[in-house]
Amino acid sequence: MDDLVQFLRARLDEDRERARLIAGALAGNASSLEIRPEQAAAHAQEMVTAAEAMIRLFEETIYSHLRVDGRAGRRADLQMRLMASSYTAHPDYRNDWAPDPV
């Protein structure tokens, strides 16, 4: 489980950094993209905020319940596996991290 936690944290951090880079590029090139600067700035902020929200979601509502017995622990494990499944194309993703089929 620790490998999966590290993998997911690394991907979420990468997503935040990618959102910051894209946000900067979007805000800096709004006019050439024919987007109003205030619209570009708002969208850029939304991308960064969404990436940061995913980190908080994982850390505060999933990770904190991973080693809890019972339903809460099983649910946290499933949520973590579902989050990680969005990175199946990443070369470090392992198939044994996949959530159980429904």
Protein backbone atom coordinates (compact mmCIF):
# COMPACT_ATOMS: atom_id res chain seq x y z
CA MET A 1 0.00 0.00 0.00
CA ASP A 2 2.87 2.39 0.72
CA ASP A 3 4.05 2.12 -2.90
CA LEU A 4 0.59 3.10 -4.11
CA VAL A 5 0.43 6.04 -1.70
CA GLN A 6 3.82 7.29 -2.92
CA PHE A 7 2.81 6.80 -6.55
CA LEU A 8 -0.44 8.70 -6.11
CA ARG A 9 1.18 11.55 -4.18
CA ALA A 10 3.81 11.93 -6.92
CA ARG A 11 1.16 12.03 -9.66
CA LEU A 12 -0.95 14.56 -7.76
CA ASP A 13 2.10 16.77 -7.23
CA GLU A 14 2.91 16.51 -10.94
CA ASP A 15 -0.67 17.45 -11.77
CA ARG A 16 -0.42 20.54 -9.57
CA GLU A 17 2.84 21.62 -11.19
CA ARG A 18 1.43 20.97 -14.67
CA ALA A 19 -1.66 23.03 -13.80
CA ARG A 20 0.57 25.89 -12.65
CA LEU A 21 2.59 25.79 -15.88
CA ILE A 22 -0.49 25.64 -18.06
CA ALA A 23 -2.15 28.37 -16.03
CA GLY A 24 0.83 30.64 -16.52
CA ALA A 25 0.93 29.95 -20.23
CA LEU A 26 -2.80 30.51 -20.57
CA ALA A 27 -2.77 33.76 -18.66
CA GLY A 28 0.29 34.99 -20.53
CA ASN A 29 -1.08 34.17 -23.98
CA ALA A 30 -4.74 35.04 -23.55
CA SER A 31 -4.83 37.61 -26.32
CA SER A 32 -3.15 35.35 -28.88
CA LEU A 33 -5.67 32.64 -27.94
CA GLU A 34 -8.49 35.14 -28.36
CA ILE A 35 -9.55 34.80 -24.72
CA ARG A 36 -10.30 37.77 -22.53
CA PRO A 37 -7.49 38.17 -19.97
CA GLU A 38 -9.87 38.02 -17.01
CA GLN A 39 -11.45 34.85 -18.40
CA ALA A 40 -8.01 33.28 -18.89
CA ALA A 41 -6.95 34.26 -15.37
CA ALA A 42 -10.12 32.79 -13.87
CA HIS A 43 -9.72 29.53 -15.78
CA ALA A 44 -6.05 29.34 -14.86
CA GLN A 45 -6.90 29.76 -11.18
CA GLU A 46 -9.59 27.08 -11.44
CA MET A 47 -7.09 24.58 -12.84
CA VAL A 48 -4.61 25.17 -10.03
CA THR A 49 -7.34 25.13 -7.38
CA ALA A 50 -8.73 21.84 -8.74
CA ALA A 51 -5.29 20.20 -8.62
CA GLU A 52 -4.75 21.42 -5.06
CA ALA A 53 -8.23 20.21 -4.09
CA MET A 54 -7.37 16.70 -5.29
CA ILE A 55 -4.31 16.70 -3.04
CA ARG A 56 -6.40 17.81 -0.06
CA LEU A 57 -9.08 15.25 -0.89
CA PHE A 58 -6.51 12.49 -0.85
CA GLU A 59 -4.61 13.64 2.23
CA GLU A 60 -7.53 14.70 4.42
CA THR A 61 -10.32 12.30 3.54
CA ILE A 62 -8.67 9.22 2.04
CA TYR A 63 -5.15 8.79 3.39
CA SER A 64 -6.22 9.50 6.95
CA HIS A 65 -8.62 6.54 6.79
CA LEU A 66 -6.49 3.96 4.97
CA ARG A 67 -5.46 1.95 7.99
CA VAL A 68 -8.82 2.14 9.73
CA ASP A 69 -10.63 -1.15 10.25
CA GLY A 70 -14.04 -1.82 8.79
CA ARG A 71 -16.05 -0.03 6.16
CA ALA A 72 -14.20 3.29 6.42
CA GLY A 73 -10.85 1.66 5.73
CA ARG A 74 -12.19 -0.39 2.82
CA ARG A 75 -13.85 2.68 1.34
CA ALA A 76 -10.65 4.73 1.66
CA ASP A 77 -8.67 1.96 -0.04
CA LEU A 78 -11.18 1.83 -2.90
CA GLN A 79 -11.15 5.61 -3.28
CA MET A 80 -7.35 5.64 -3.43
CA ARG A 81 -7.33 2.88 -6.05
CA LEU A 82 -9.96 4.72 -8.09
CA MET A 83 -7.91 7.93 -7.97
CA ALA A 84 -4.78 6.04 -9.01
CA SER A 85 -6.61 4.30 -11.86
CA SER A 86 -6.69 7.57 -13.77
CA TYR A 87 -2.92 7.12 -14.19
CA THR A 88 -2.95 3.63 -15.74
CA ALA A 89 -0.96 4.90 -18.73
CA HIS A 90 1.90 5.99 -16.46
CA PRO A 91 4.86 3.59 -16.74
CA ASP A 92 5.06 3.16 -12.95
CA TYR A 93 1.41 2.17 -12.53
CA ARG A 94 0.98 -1.42 -11.41
CA ASN A 95 -2.04 -3.49 -12.41
CA ASP A 96 -2.38 -4.91 -8.90
CA TRP A 97 -3.38 -1.40 -7.77
CA ALA A 98 -6.53 -1.52 -9.87
CA PRO A 99 -9.79 -1.37 -7.93
CA ASP A 100 -11.72 -4.60 -7.75
CA PRO A 101 -14.22 -4.90 -10.61
CA VAL A 102 -17.81 -4.09 -9.77
